[in-house]
């Protein structure tokens, strides 16, 4: 088997080399490929990426959004399992084996990380903490899931699952869209506790309040349509 690790990048020149090296150093029992997508960064992220060997590199000529970066990488992936790894240092790649183990063991086809299941996590701002809980609550109400942290950036899929889902959204809404479509297929999403070192907006966090509203509207939309 092979694991495809997708790293979307947008203006992460300070951390992208560190995160890629962490992923390259990761010890897992299967082969891995690393696919890095620069989503039209305006800083020196692409120059950093270009200088690194042993990875697949994709560049968007302009910023299109995290969802667009993920879609570009999925098309180029050859792994049996696909996982998303953000390019900042909020989620340490050392946790990747924990996320893919349920898939390797045949216990699940889709695994999400859960920051809320990690009891020592106190790093997130109150706004993002409550917002994440609200989005998760709405997800569970609409789709009958039992998630604890739908917005967590760590999401792992058997490739045949994610490649057979049409992803329409190009920005952060790709995540609630995929969650909704997976839930509608009756596929159980397993969660694994993960530790996060949250950043503030001043430190480079990309999410904004409006993204929470868009996520909510996306969940409602895909409760009633699968297109």
Protein backbone atom coordinates (compact mmCIF):
# COMPACT_ATOMS: atom_id res chain seq x y z
CA UNK A 1 0.00 0.00 0.00
CA UNK A 2 0.96 3.63 -0.39
CA UNK A 3 0.06 6.82 1.47
CA UNK A 4 -0.34 10.11 -0.40
CA UNK A 5 0.31 13.07 1.90
CA UNK A 6 -1.16 16.26 0.45
CA UNK A 7 0.24 19.57 1.68
CA UNK A 8 -1.65 22.70 0.52
CA UNK A 9 0.49 25.84 0.88
CA UNK A 10 -0.41 29.50 0.85
CA UNK A 11 2.08 32.05 2.19
CA UNK A 12 3.86 29.67 4.56
CA UNK A 13 7.49 30.47 3.76
CA UNK A 14 8.47 30.27 7.44
CA UNK A 15 7.11 26.78 8.04
CA UNK A 16 6.77 24.94 4.72
CA UNK A 17 10.32 23.56 4.68
CA UNK A 18 10.00 22.42 8.30
CA UNK A 19 6.69 20.65 7.73
CA UNK A 20 7.90 18.92 4.56
CA UNK A 21 11.00 17.67 6.35
CA UNK A 22 8.87 16.37 9.22
CA UNK A 23 6.73 14.47 6.71
CA UNK A 24 9.78 13.12 4.90
CA UNK A 25 11.26 11.89 8.20
CA UNK A 26 8.01 10.20 9.21
CA UNK A 27 8.33 6.45 9.79
CA UNK A 28 5.29 4.51 8.58
CA UNK A 29 4.88 0.85 7.58
CA UNK A 30 3.89 1.63 3.98
CA UNK A 31 5.31 3.63 1.07
CA UNK A 32 4.52 7.32 0.92
CA UNK A 33 4.44 10.13 -1.60
CA UNK A 34 4.37 13.80 -0.72
CA UNK A 35 2.40 16.17 -2.93
CA UNK A 36 2.91 19.87 -2.21
CA UNK A 37 0.60 22.42 -3.85
CA UNK A 38 1.55 26.08 -3.78
CA UNK A 39 -1.77 27.89 -4.09
CA UNK A 40 -0.52 31.14 -5.60
CA UNK A 41 1.60 32.21 -2.63
CA UNK A 42 2.77 35.83 -2.64
CA UNK A 43 5.76 35.20 -0.40
CA UNK A 44 8.76 32.89 -0.96
CA UNK A 45 6.89 29.63 -0.32
CA UNK A 46 7.31 28.40 -3.91
CA UNK A 47 11.04 29.09 -3.89
CA UNK A 48 11.33 27.01 -0.71
CA UNK A 49 9.28 24.20 -2.24
CA UNK A 50 11.28 24.17 -5.47
CA UNK A 51 14.54 23.61 -3.61
CA UNK A 52 13.29 20.42 -1.92
CA UNK A 53 13.86 17.07 -3.62
CA UNK A 54 11.84 13.88 -3.31
CA UNK A 55 8.39 15.46 -3.49
CA UNK A 56 5.76 16.14 -6.15
CA UNK A 57 5.29 19.86 -6.74
CA UNK A 58 2.25 21.67 -8.12
CA UNK A 59 1.88 25.44 -8.49
CA UNK A 60 -1.32 27.40 -9.01
CA UNK A 61 -0.70 30.65 -10.90
CA UNK A 62 -3.07 32.45 -8.53
CA UNK A 63 -4.69 31.79 -5.18
CA UNK A 64 -7.71 29.55 -5.70
CA UNK A 65 -8.31 28.20 -2.19
CA UNK A 66 -7.47 25.18 -0.05
CA UNK A 67 -10.13 23.06 -1.71
CA UNK A 68 -8.69 23.79 -5.13
CA UNK A 69 -5.21 22.84 -3.91
CA UNK A 70 -6.52 19.58 -2.45
CA UNK A 71 -8.34 18.74 -5.69
CA UNK A 72 -5.21 19.36 -7.77
CA UNK A 73 -3.22 17.05 -5.54
CA UNK A 74 -5.85 14.30 -5.46
CA UNK A 75 -5.73 14.15 -9.27
CA UNK A 76 -1.96 13.54 -9.12
CA UNK A 77 -2.03 11.13 -6.19
CA UNK A 78 -1.26 7.43 -6.62
CA UNK A 79 -1.69 6.27 -3.01
CA UNK A 80 -4.26 3.87 -1.58
CA UNK A 81 -4.77 6.29 1.31
CA UNK A 82 -4.87 10.08 1.10
CA UNK A 83 -4.36 12.44 4.03
CA UNK A 84 -4.32 16.24 4.23
CA UNK A 85 -1.46 17.88 6.13
CA UNK A 86 -1.59 21.65 6.59
CA UNK A 87 1.63 23.54 5.90
CA UNK A 88 1.67 25.45 9.17
CA UNK A 89 2.83 23.86 12.41
CA UNK A 90 -0.56 23.60 14.10
CA UNK A 91 -0.79 19.84 13.50
CA UNK A 92 2.41 17.82 13.88
CA UNK A 93 2.89 15.10 11.20
CA UNK A 94 4.09 12.73 13.94
CA UNK A 95 0.36 12.08 14.48
CA UNK A 96 -0.20 10.77 10.93
CA UNK A 97 0.35 7.08 11.84
CA UNK A 98 -2.48 7.33 14.38
CA UNK A 99 -4.82 8.62 11.70
CA UNK A 100 -4.07 6.02 9.06
CA UNK A 101 -3.94 3.01 11.40
CA UNK A 102 -7.73 2.45 11.43
CA UNK A 103 -7.65 2.36 7.62
CA UNK A 104 -4.61 0.07 7.49
CA UNK A 105 -6.31 -2.27 9.94
CA UNK A 106 -9.48 -2.36 7.85
CA UNK A 107 -11.57 -0.81 10.62
CA UNK A 108 -12.52 2.36 8.75
CA UNK A 109 -12.42 3.98 5.33
CA UNK A 110 -12.44 7.59 6.55
CA UNK A 111 -10.68 8.99 9.63
CA UNK A 112 -10.77 12.55 10.99
CA UNK A 113 -8.58 14.05 13.67
CA UNK A 114 -10.33 15.45 16.71
CA UNK A 115 -8.78 18.26 18.71
CA UNK A 116 -11.69 18.07 21.14
CA UNK A 117 -10.96 14.44 21.96
CA UNK A 118 -7.47 15.48 23.08
CA UNK A 119 -8.30 16.65 26.58
CA UNK A 120 -5.16 18.70 27.10
CA UNK A 121 -5.80 20.98 24.12
CA UNK A 122 -6.22 24.53 25.39
CA UNK A 123 -4.50 26.41 22.59
CA UNK A 124 -7.45 27.56 20.50
CA UNK A 125 -9.17 30.91 20.87
CA UNK A 126 -12.64 30.84 22.38
CA UNK A 127 -14.18 32.06 19.11
CA UNK A 128 -12.71 29.24 17.00
CA UNK A 129 -13.35 26.70 19.75
CA UNK A 130 -17.05 27.54 20.01
CA UNK A 131 -17.40 27.94 16.26
CA UNK A 132 -15.94 24.49 15.67
CA UNK A 133 -18.30 22.97 18.21
CA UNK A 134 -21.28 24.65 16.57
CA UNK A 135 -20.37 23.44 13.08
CA UNK A 136 -19.88 19.93 14.47
CA UNK A 137 -23.23 20.07 16.28
CA UNK A 138 -25.03 21.12 13.08
CA UNK A 139 -23.25 18.37 11.12
CA UNK A 140 -24.45 15.75 13.58
CA UNK A 141 -28.02 17.09 13.55
CA UNK A 142 -28.24 17.22 9.75
CA UNK A 143 -26.50 13.93 8.93
CA UNK A 144 -26.87 11.74 11.99
CA UNK A 145 -23.12 11.56 12.55
CA UNK A 146 -21.42 11.46 15.94
CA UNK A 147 -18.43 13.67 15.26
CA UNK A 148 -16.67 15.76 17.89
CA UNK A 149 -14.58 18.00 15.60
CA UNK A 150 -15.74 18.22 11.98
CA UNK A 151 -13.56 21.26 11.08
CA UNK A 152 -10.27 19.61 12.10
CA UNK A 153 -7.78 19.86 9.25
CA UNK A 154 -6.59 16.27 9.59
CA UNK A 155 -8.72 14.13 7.29
CA UNK A 156 -7.67 10.73 5.89
CA UNK A 157 -9.51 8.72 3.25
CA UNK A 158 -9.16 5.53 1.29
CA UNK A 159 -8.41 6.97 -2.12
CA UNK A 160 -11.29 5.19 -3.83
CA UNK A 161 -13.68 7.02 -1.47
CA UNK A 162 -12.41 10.57 -1.94
CA UNK A 163 -11.72 10.17 -5.66
CA UNK A 164 -15.33 9.18 -6.25
CA UNK A 165 -16.67 12.33 -4.59
CA UNK A 166 -17.16 15.38 -6.76
CA UNK A 167 -15.79 18.34 -4.79
CA UNK A 168 -17.34 21.59 -5.95
CA UNK A 169 -15.95 24.06 -3.44
CA UNK A 170 -12.51 25.54 -3.90
CA UNK A 171 -12.01 27.11 -0.50
CA UNK A 172 -12.44 25.97 3.09
CA UNK A 173 -16.00 24.84 2.36
CA UNK A 174 -14.59 21.75 0.63
CA UNK A 175 -14.36 20.11 4.06
CA UNK A 176 -18.03 20.34 5.15
CA UNK A 177 -19.00 19.44 1.57
CA UNK A 178 -16.96 16.24 1.67
CA UNK A 179 -18.17 15.41 5.17
CA UNK A 180 -21.78 15.81 4.05
CA UNK A 181 -21.32 13.66 0.96
CA UNK A 182 -19.52 10.93 2.88
CA UNK A 183 -22.24 10.89 5.53
CA UNK A 184 -24.96 10.70 2.89
CA UNK A 185 -23.25 7.61 1.47
CA UNK A 186 -23.59 5.96 4.87
CA UNK A 187 -19.82 5.77 5.37
CA UNK A 188 -18.84 5.97 9.03
CA UNK A 189 -16.23 8.57 9.92
CA UNK A 190 -13.92 7.46 12.71
CA UNK A 191 -12.13 10.04 14.83
CA UNK A 192 -8.67 9.95 16.41
CA UNK A 193 -7.52 12.40 19.12
CA UNK A 194 -4.92 14.88 17.86
CA UNK A 195 -2.95 17.61 19.54
CA UNK A 196 -2.93 21.09 18.03
CA UNK A 197 -0.71 24.12 18.52
CA UNK A 198 -3.10 26.82 17.37
CA UNK A 199 -2.05 30.03 15.69
CA UNK A 200 -3.77 33.40 15.90
CA UNK A 201 -4.80 35.45 12.86
CA UNK A 202 -1.79 37.68 13.51
CA UNK A 203 0.44 34.62 13.37
CA UNK A 204 -0.94 33.63 9.97
CA UNK A 205 -4.16 31.70 10.60
CA UNK A 206 -6.23 31.80 7.40
CA UNK A 207 -9.70 31.06 8.77
CA UNK A 208 -12.08 33.94 9.39
CA UNK A 209 -15.56 34.27 10.90
CA UNK A 210 -17.10 34.35 7.44
CA UNK A 211 -15.70 30.87 6.79
CA UNK A 212 -17.82 29.52 9.63
CA UNK A 213 -20.94 30.99 8.05
CA UNK A 214 -19.97 29.51 4.68
CA UNK A 215 -19.41 26.12 6.29
CA UNK A 216 -22.87 26.24 7.85
CA UNK A 217 -24.51 27.14 4.53
CA UNK A 218 -22.54 24.37 2.80
CA UNK A 219 -23.77 21.76 5.27
CA UNK A 220 -27.36 22.87 4.79
CA UNK A 221 -27.01 22.85 1.02
CA UNK A 222 -25.60 19.31 0.85
CA UNK A 223 -28.19 17.98 3.24
CA UNK A 224 -30.66 18.39 0.41
CA UNK A 225 -28.51 17.88 -2.69
CA UNK A 226 -25.54 15.75 -3.63
CA UNK A 227 -24.59 17.68 -6.73
